[in-house]
Structures are given as structure tokens and as C-alpha cells.
Amino acid sequence: MKKLLCAVLVSAAFISAPSFADIGVTAYAGQTFSQTLTTSKGQEHEIADDAHFAISVDRHINDTKYGIYYSFFGGELESNAEQKIDSELLLFQSAVYRPVTDNLSAYAGAQLGANYITTNFVEKDTFFASGLFAGVDYKLAGGLSVGSELRWVATIVKNSSKISCDNDPSTDDGCGWHFDGDVLNQFQASLNLTYRF
């Protein structure tokens, strides 16, 4: 987690280096909804839906923005609340804005990066993640705006460990959380607050 936060700060400093740039810092809070994962042994696991918090630092140029998005989600398996799962997203994002009214804009974009997953029952791992997002932004006074957003994140969950697993789900060989390229689909519904300077 410290490495991801350090990367966010370094990226933010890089993006905001030109003092004349229009920089936006956005705080998000909302709910994450996760779909079922299937292990290499055919076992199905579903991560319970829970709250997430996020921050992004973006450079705005005309009707576009690009920057870094960091999100933290702490959840658990629906089948066993003792098995905790933390998901940290670090994504490069880019979006295009379209005005709806003088103060209201809609936007859509894409993202690419990594999902760092930590559990209390297997080793932590980092997986490739990508997806799409869209939202609306309402400008208030003084560089502030509020909005809402829906974000889809697809994480390719493929373990790099050398564990060999048999295909019989009734046997216990320690591969209950071993994946061979399954996709974890997560949907984030957020409210956000942005300050641009």
C-alpha cells in the first residue's frame, strides 16, 4: 500500500509540474459491486459488496482530462466473512467532457493499470486491470464541482505461483484461491467532489 501511495504522490507531482496547468483533485466515496470468480479447481467465490474510497489527480486540457486514479476497497468473501480481501486500484485514466448546460457536463473515459489484492488467507498479488467509466460533473463556485460516476474495472486474475492444482473440487490440495486467467468484474458507483486550480 505504501508503494501505491508513493506512486500516486510522484505521479501527482509530475502531472502538476507546470504551474499554468489546470489541475483537478477529486475525492470519491461509494459502493463497489463484485461479480463471482471461478478458481482453477472450479470453485466459485464472490466478494461481498462494500464501500470504497478513492482519489484522483488529473490535468484538464480543454474538454479532456488525464491523470492517476487510486481506490481502496476492503471486503470479504460472501461465503466466509472471516476471509478478508483488500483491493487497491492504481490506474492511469483519460476522459472526454461534453457540456450539457452551462454548469453541467457529462464525461466518459478509459483506464489502465493494476489491482493490488491482499487477503488474510493467501499471499498478496498484483494483477492487470482496465475498464471504462462515465459520469456527470456540476460546477459550483470557486473551482469546486460535485458529481457522480459509474466505473467498470476488469481485473485479469492469474496467479504467477508454481502451484499445481488438480481439477477435482472435492479434494483439498491448497488451491482454493488459485486462478488461471479469470476476470474479476467490479462496478463502482461513486459520488465525488472536485477542486480545480
C-alpha atoms as a PDB file:
ATOM      1  CA  MET A   1       0.000   0.000   0.000  1.00  0.00           C
ATOM      2  CA  LYS A   2       2.873   2.373   0.768  1.00  0.00           C
ATOM      3  CA  LYS A   3       4.316   1.784  -2.692  1.00  0.00           C
ATOM      4  CA  LEU A   4       0.998   2.636  -4.348  1.00  0.00           C
ATOM      5  CA  LEU A   5       0.587   5.826  -2.304  1.00  0.00           C
ATOM      6  CA  CYS A   6       4.150   6.847  -3.146  1.00  0.00           C
ATOM      7  CA  ALA A   7       3.439   6.266  -6.837  1.00  0.00           C
ATOM      8  CA  VAL A   8       0.311   8.422  -6.592  1.00  0.00           C
ATOM      9  CA  LEU A   9       2.234  11.293  -4.991  1.00  0.00           C
ATOM     10  CA  VAL A  10       5.074  11.112  -7.529  1.00  0.00           C
ATOM     11  CA  SER A  11       2.585  10.993 -10.407  1.00  0.00           C
ATOM     12  CA  ALA A  12       0.649  13.910  -8.970  1.00  0.00           C
ATOM     13  CA  ALA A  13       3.833  15.963  -8.725  1.00  0.00           C
ATOM     14  CA  PHE A  14       4.708  15.066 -12.319  1.00  0.00           C
ATOM     15  CA  ILE A  15       1.273  15.938 -13.667  1.00  0.00           C
ATOM     16  CA  SER A  16       1.101  19.230 -11.779  1.00  0.00           C
ATOM     17  CA  ALA A  17       4.649  20.339 -12.631  1.00  0.00           C
ATOM     18  CA  PRO A  18       3.605  23.170 -14.995  1.00  0.00           C
ATOM     19  CA  SER A  19       2.183  25.889 -12.755  1.00  0.00           C
ATOM     20  CA  PHE A  20      -0.122  27.103 -15.512  1.00  0.00           C
ATOM     21  CA  ALA A  21      -1.872  23.727 -15.857  1.00  0.00           C
ATOM     22  CA  ASP A  22      -5.495  23.261 -14.850  1.00  0.00           C
ATOM     23  CA  ILE A  23      -5.183  20.558 -12.190  1.00  0.00           C
ATOM     24  CA  GLY A  24      -8.133  18.778 -10.605  1.00  0.00           C
ATOM     25  CA  VAL A  25      -8.069  16.802  -7.357  1.00  0.00           C
ATOM     26  CA  THR A  26     -11.128  14.599  -6.860  1.00  0.00           C
ATOM     27  CA  ALA A  27     -12.267  12.660  -3.784  1.00  0.00           C
ATOM     28  CA  TYR A  28     -14.701   9.753  -4.288  1.00  0.00           C
ATOM     29  CA  ALA A  29     -16.866   7.664  -1.969  1.00  0.00           C
ATOM     30  CA  GLY A  30     -19.324   4.984  -2.950  1.00  0.00           C
ATOM     31  CA  GLN A  31     -20.159   1.312  -3.275  1.00  0.00           C
ATOM     32  CA  THR A  32     -18.241  -1.447  -5.076  1.00  0.00           C
ATOM     33  CA  PHE A  33     -20.148  -4.383  -6.570  1.00  0.00           C
ATOM     34  CA  SER A  34     -18.138  -7.512  -7.465  1.00  0.00           C
ATOM     35  CA  GLN A  35     -19.000 -10.500  -9.631  1.00  0.00           C
ATOM     36  CA  THR A  36     -18.178 -14.158  -8.997  1.00  0.00           C
ATOM     37  CA  LEU A  37     -14.666 -15.560  -9.529  1.00  0.00           C
ATOM     38  CA  THR A  38     -14.020 -19.175 -10.556  1.00  0.00           C
ATOM     39  CA  THR A  39     -10.799 -20.825  -9.373  1.00  0.00           C
ATOM     40  CA  SER A  40      -8.671 -23.261 -11.377  1.00  0.00           C
ATOM     41  CA  LYS A  41     -10.445 -26.058  -9.457  1.00  0.00           C
ATOM     42  CA  GLY A  42     -13.886 -24.869 -10.477  1.00  0.00           C
ATOM     43  CA  GLN A  43     -14.749 -23.370  -7.092  1.00  0.00           C
ATOM     44  CA  GLU A  44     -16.741 -20.142  -7.144  1.00  0.00           C
ATOM     45  CA  HIS A  45     -16.018 -17.204  -4.835  1.00  0.00           C
ATOM     46  CA  GLU A  46     -17.999 -13.989  -4.617  1.00  0.00           C
ATOM     47  CA  ILE A  47     -16.627 -10.894  -2.913  1.00  0.00           C
ATOM     48  CA  ALA A  48     -19.235  -9.155  -0.759  1.00  0.00           C
ATOM     49  CA  ASP A  49     -20.255  -5.670  -1.912  1.00  0.00           C
ATOM     50  CA  ASP A  50     -18.852  -2.906   0.262  1.00  0.00           C
ATOM     51  CA  ALA A  51     -17.834   0.758   0.352  1.00  0.00           C
ATOM     52  CA  HIS A  52     -14.802   2.184  -1.414  1.00  0.00           C
ATOM     53  CA  PHE A  53     -12.864   5.436  -1.175  1.00  0.00           C
ATOM     54  CA  ALA A  54     -10.756   6.948  -3.933  1.00  0.00           C
ATOM     55  CA  ILE A  55      -8.767   9.973  -5.035  1.00  0.00           C
ATOM     56  CA  SER A  56      -7.594  11.140  -8.440  1.00  0.00           C
ATOM     57  CA  VAL A  57      -5.259  13.862  -9.665  1.00  0.00           C
ATOM     58  CA  ASP A  58      -5.928  14.944 -13.243  1.00  0.00           C
ATOM     59  CA  ARG A  59      -4.689  17.528 -15.687  1.00  0.00           C
ATOM     60  CA  HIS A  60      -7.542  19.217 -17.579  1.00  0.00           C
ATOM     61  CA  ILE A  61      -6.899  20.497 -21.104  1.00  0.00           C
ATOM     62  CA  ASN A  62      -9.880  21.981 -22.955  1.00  0.00           C
ATOM     63  CA  ASP A  63     -12.590  19.277 -22.861  1.00  0.00           C
ATOM     64  CA  THR A  64     -10.310  16.406 -21.809  1.00  0.00           C
ATOM     65  CA  LYS A  65      -8.565  15.204 -18.689  1.00  0.00           C
ATOM     66  CA  TYR A  66      -5.899  12.638 -17.908  1.00  0.00           C
ATOM     67  CA  GLY A  67      -4.295  11.549 -14.666  1.00  0.00           C
ATOM     68  CA  ILE A  68      -3.946   8.952 -11.930  1.00  0.00           C
ATOM     69  CA  TYR A  69      -6.793   7.257 -10.024  1.00  0.00           C
ATOM     70  CA  TYR A  70      -6.248   5.419  -6.704  1.00  0.00           C
ATOM     71  CA  SER A  71      -9.022   3.459  -4.979  1.00  0.00           C
ATOM     72  CA  PHE A  72      -9.219   1.321  -1.831  1.00  0.00           C
ATOM     73  CA  PHE A  73     -11.888  -1.317  -1.260  1.00  0.00           C
ATOM     74  CA  GLY A  74     -11.992  -3.550   1.819  1.00  0.00           C
ATOM     75  CA  GLY A  75     -14.258  -6.572   1.534  1.00  0.00           C
ATOM     76  CA  GLU A  76     -14.680 -10.230   2.373  1.00  0.00           C
ATOM     77  CA  LEU A  77     -15.883 -13.435   0.794  1.00  0.00           C
ATOM     78  CA  GLU A  78     -19.665 -13.795   0.902  1.00  0.00           C
ATOM     79  CA  SER A  79     -19.281 -17.452   1.893  1.00  0.00           C
ATOM     80  CA  ASN A  80     -16.938 -16.664   4.808  1.00  0.00           C
ATOM     81  CA  ALA A  81     -16.788 -13.238   6.467  1.00  0.00           C
ATOM     82  CA  GLU A  82     -13.520 -14.226   8.195  1.00  0.00           C
ATOM     83  CA  GLN A  83     -11.714 -14.259   4.836  1.00  0.00           C
ATOM     84  CA  LYS A  84     -10.871 -10.607   4.164  1.00  0.00           C
ATOM     85  CA  ILE A  85      -9.949  -9.173   0.780  1.00  0.00           C
ATOM     86  CA  ASP A  86      -8.498  -5.707   0.201  1.00  0.00           C
ATOM     87  CA  SER A  87      -8.320  -4.314  -3.308  1.00  0.00           C
ATOM     88  CA  GLU A  88      -6.181  -1.288  -4.214  1.00  0.00           C
ATOM     89  CA  LEU A  89      -6.507   0.105  -7.724  1.00  0.00           C
ATOM     90  CA  LEU A  90      -3.880   2.334  -9.293  1.00  0.00           C
ATOM     91  CA  LEU A  91      -4.996   3.360 -12.764  1.00  0.00           C
ATOM     92  CA  PHE A  92      -3.988   5.819 -15.452  1.00  0.00           C
ATOM     93  CA  GLN A  93      -7.202   7.410 -16.722  1.00  0.00           C
ATOM     94  CA  SER A  94      -8.278   9.666 -19.552  1.00  0.00           C
ATOM     95  CA  ALA A  95     -11.709  11.146 -20.302  1.00  0.00           C
ATOM     96  CA  VAL A  96     -13.548  13.478 -22.687  1.00  0.00           C
ATOM     97  CA  TYR A  97     -16.104  16.039 -21.436  1.00  0.00           C
ATOM     98  CA  ARG A  98     -19.241  17.190 -23.237  1.00  0.00           C
ATOM     99  CA  PRO A  99     -21.305  20.151 -21.929  1.00  0.00           C
ATOM    100  CA  VAL A 100     -24.975  19.546 -21.117  1.00  0.00           C
ATOM    101  CA  THR A 101     -25.772  23.008 -19.706  1.00  0.00           C
ATOM    102  CA  ASP A 102     -23.615  25.967 -18.629  1.00  0.00           C
ATOM    103  CA  ASN A 103     -22.670  24.277 -15.337  1.00  0.00           C
ATOM    104  CA  LEU A 104     -23.336  20.604 -16.063  1.00  0.00           C
ATOM    105  CA  SER A 105     -21.026  18.356 -18.093  1.00  0.00           C
ATOM    106  CA  ALA A 106     -21.028  14.657 -18.886  1.00  0.00           C
ATOM    107  CA  TYR A 107     -17.836  12.688 -19.429  1.00  0.00           C
ATOM    108  CA  ALA A 108     -16.675   9.236 -20.498  1.00  0.00           C
ATOM    109  CA  GLY A 109     -13.249   7.672 -20.362  1.00  0.00           C
ATOM    110  CA  ALA A 110     -10.983   4.646 -20.172  1.00  0.00           C
ATOM    111  CA  GLN A 111      -8.460   3.410 -17.611  1.00  0.00           C
ATOM    112  CA  LEU A 112      -5.464   1.079 -17.452  1.00  0.00           C
ATOM    113  CA  GLY A 113      -3.310  -0.054 -14.549  1.00  0.00           C
ATOM    114  CA  ALA A 114      -3.055  -2.555 -11.703  1.00  0.00           C
ATOM    115  CA  ASN A 115      -5.170  -4.101  -8.964  1.00  0.00           C
ATOM    116  CA  TYR A 116      -3.176  -4.966  -5.827  1.00  0.00           C
ATOM    117  CA  ILE A 117      -5.138  -7.638  -3.929  1.00  0.00           C
ATOM    118  CA  THR A 118      -4.316  -8.533  -0.328  1.00  0.00           C
ATOM    119  CA  THR A 119      -6.045 -11.298   1.645  1.00  0.00           C
ATOM    120  CA  ASN A 120      -5.626 -12.749   5.121  1.00  0.00           C
ATOM    121  CA  PHE A 121      -5.517 -16.329   3.810  1.00  0.00           C
ATOM    122  CA  VAL A 122      -3.114 -16.355   0.804  1.00  0.00           C
ATOM    123  CA  GLU A 123      -0.170 -14.282  -0.410  1.00  0.00           C
ATOM    124  CA  LYS A 124      -0.873 -10.842  -1.832  1.00  0.00           C
ATOM    125  CA  ASP A 125      -0.553 -10.321  -5.586  1.00  0.00           C
ATOM    126  CA  THR A 126      -0.783  -7.639  -8.281  1.00  0.00           C
ATOM    127  CA  PHE A 127      -2.955  -8.113 -11.367  1.00  0.00           C
ATOM    128  CA  PHE A 128      -3.523  -6.204 -14.624  1.00  0.00           C
ATOM    129  CA  ALA A 129      -6.699  -4.089 -14.632  1.00  0.00           C
ATOM    130  CA  SER A 130      -8.519  -1.960 -17.196  1.00  0.00           C
ATOM    131  CA  GLY A 131     -12.007  -0.638 -17.840  1.00  0.00           C
ATOM    132  CA  LEU A 132     -14.311   2.249 -18.620  1.00  0.00           C
ATOM    133  CA  PHE A 133     -16.035   4.993 -16.653  1.00  0.00           C
ATOM    134  CA  ALA A 134     -18.629   7.714 -17.156  1.00  0.00           C
ATOM    135  CA  GLY A 135     -20.182  10.426 -15.034  1.00  0.00           C
ATOM    136  CA  VAL A 136     -21.602  13.908 -14.670  1.00  0.00           C
ATOM    137  CA  ASP A 137     -19.952  16.973 -13.162  1.00  0.00           C
ATOM    138  CA  TYR A 138     -21.765  20.059 -11.860  1.00  0.00           C
ATOM    139  CA  LYS A 139     -19.667  23.212 -11.418  1.00  0.00           C
ATOM    140  CA  LEU A 140     -20.046  25.194  -8.223  1.00  0.00           C
ATOM    141  CA  ALA A 141     -18.274  28.443  -7.362  1.00  0.00           C
ATOM    142  CA  GLY A 142     -14.543  28.815  -6.745  1.00  0.00           C
ATOM    143  CA  GLY A 143     -13.223  25.839  -8.723  1.00  0.00           C
ATOM    144  CA  LEU A 144     -15.396  23.342  -6.856  1.00  0.00           C
ATOM    145  CA  SER A 145     -17.677  20.836  -8.546  1.00  0.00           C
ATOM    146  CA  VAL A 146     -19.733  17.849  -7.456  1.00  0.00           C
ATOM    147  CA  GLY A 147     -20.672  14.814  -9.456  1.00  0.00           C
ATOM    148  CA  SER A 148     -21.487  11.162  -9.690  1.00  0.00           C
ATOM    149  CA  GLU A 149     -19.731   8.399 -11.555  1.00  0.00           C
ATOM    150  CA  LEU A 150     -20.059   4.763 -12.596  1.00  0.00           C
ATOM    151  CA  ARG A 151     -16.818   2.873 -13.139  1.00  0.00           C
ATOM    152  CA  TRP A 152     -16.263  -0.644 -14.505  1.00  0.00           C
ATOM    153  CA  VAL A 153     -12.950  -2.344 -13.665  1.00  0.00           C
ATOM    154  CA  ALA A 154     -11.958  -5.685 -15.200  1.00  0.00           C
ATOM    155  CA  THR A 155      -9.044  -7.407 -13.443  1.00  0.00           C
ATOM    156  CA  ILE A 156      -7.376 -10.424 -15.040  1.00  0.00           C
ATOM    157  CA  VAL A 157      -6.755 -12.719 -12.075  1.00  0.00           C
ATOM    158  CA  LYS A 158      -3.968 -15.139 -12.988  1.00  0.00           C
ATOM    159  CA  ASN A 159      -1.685 -16.467 -10.255  1.00  0.00           C
ATOM    160  CA  SER A 160       2.019 -16.500 -11.023  1.00  0.00           C
ATOM    161  CA  SER A 161       2.801 -19.160  -8.408  1.00  0.00           C
ATOM    162  CA  LYS A 162       4.057 -22.595  -9.453  1.00  0.00           C
ATOM    163  CA  ILE A 163       1.351 -24.436  -7.501  1.00  0.00           C
ATOM    164  CA  SER A 164      -0.109 -27.327  -9.458  1.00  0.00           C
ATOM    165  CA  CYS A 165      -3.788 -27.997  -8.858  1.00  0.00           C
ATOM    166  CA  ASP A 166      -5.918 -30.970  -9.736  1.00  0.00           C
ATOM    167  CA  ASN A 167      -9.361 -30.391 -11.205  1.00  0.00           C
ATOM    168  CA  ASP A 168     -11.356 -32.207  -8.558  1.00  0.00           C
ATOM    169  CA  PRO A 169     -13.120 -29.617  -6.333  1.00  0.00           C
ATOM    170  CA  SER A 170     -13.741 -32.249  -3.632  1.00  0.00           C
ATOM    171  CA  THR A 171     -10.033 -32.627  -2.843  1.00  0.00           C
ATOM    172  CA  ASP A 172      -8.138 -30.293  -0.553  1.00  0.00           C
ATOM    173  CA  ASP A 173      -4.754 -29.520  -2.105  1.00  0.00           C
ATOM    174  CA  GLY A 174      -4.390 -25.854  -1.074  1.00  0.00           C
ATOM    175  CA  CYS A 175      -5.519 -24.392  -4.399  1.00  0.00           C
ATOM    176  CA  GLY A 176      -8.835 -22.951  -3.309  1.00  0.00           C
ATOM    177  CA  TRP A 177      -7.694 -19.443  -4.347  1.00  0.00           C
ATOM    178  CA  HIS A 178      -5.670 -20.212  -7.472  1.00  0.00           C
ATOM    179  CA  PHE A 179      -6.828 -18.634 -10.747  1.00  0.00           C
ATOM    180  CA  ASP A 180      -5.882 -19.240 -14.346  1.00  0.00           C
ATOM    181  CA  GLY A 181      -6.920 -16.083 -16.190  1.00  0.00           C
ATOM    182  CA  ASP A 182     -10.416 -15.479 -14.812  1.00  0.00           C
ATOM    183  CA  VAL A 183     -11.752 -11.912 -14.949  1.00  0.00           C
ATOM    184  CA  LEU A 184     -12.920 -10.144 -11.799  1.00  0.00           C
ATOM    185  CA  ASN A 185     -15.524  -7.577 -12.850  1.00  0.00           C
ATOM    186  CA  GLN A 186     -16.121  -4.793 -10.349  1.00  0.00           C
ATOM    187  CA  PHE A 187     -18.501  -1.861 -10.652  1.00  0.00           C
ATOM    188  CA  GLN A 188     -18.018   1.298  -8.592  1.00  0.00           C
ATOM    189  CA  ALA A 189     -20.867   3.771  -8.100  1.00  0.00           C
ATOM    190  CA  SER A 190     -19.486   6.976  -6.568  1.00  0.00           C
ATOM    191  CA  LEU A 191     -20.293  10.487  -5.507  1.00  0.00           C
ATOM    192  CA  ASN A 192     -17.370  12.854  -5.861  1.00  0.00           C
ATOM    193  CA  LEU A 193     -16.082  16.313  -5.051  1.00  0.00           C
ATOM    194  CA  THR A 194     -13.507  18.031  -7.296  1.00  0.00           C
ATOM    195  CA  TYR A 195     -11.338  21.075  -6.727  1.00  0.00           C
ATOM    196  CA  ARG A 196      -9.646  22.553  -9.796  1.00  0.00           C
ATOM    197  CA  PHE A 197      -6.826  25.100  -9.627  1.00  0.00           C
END
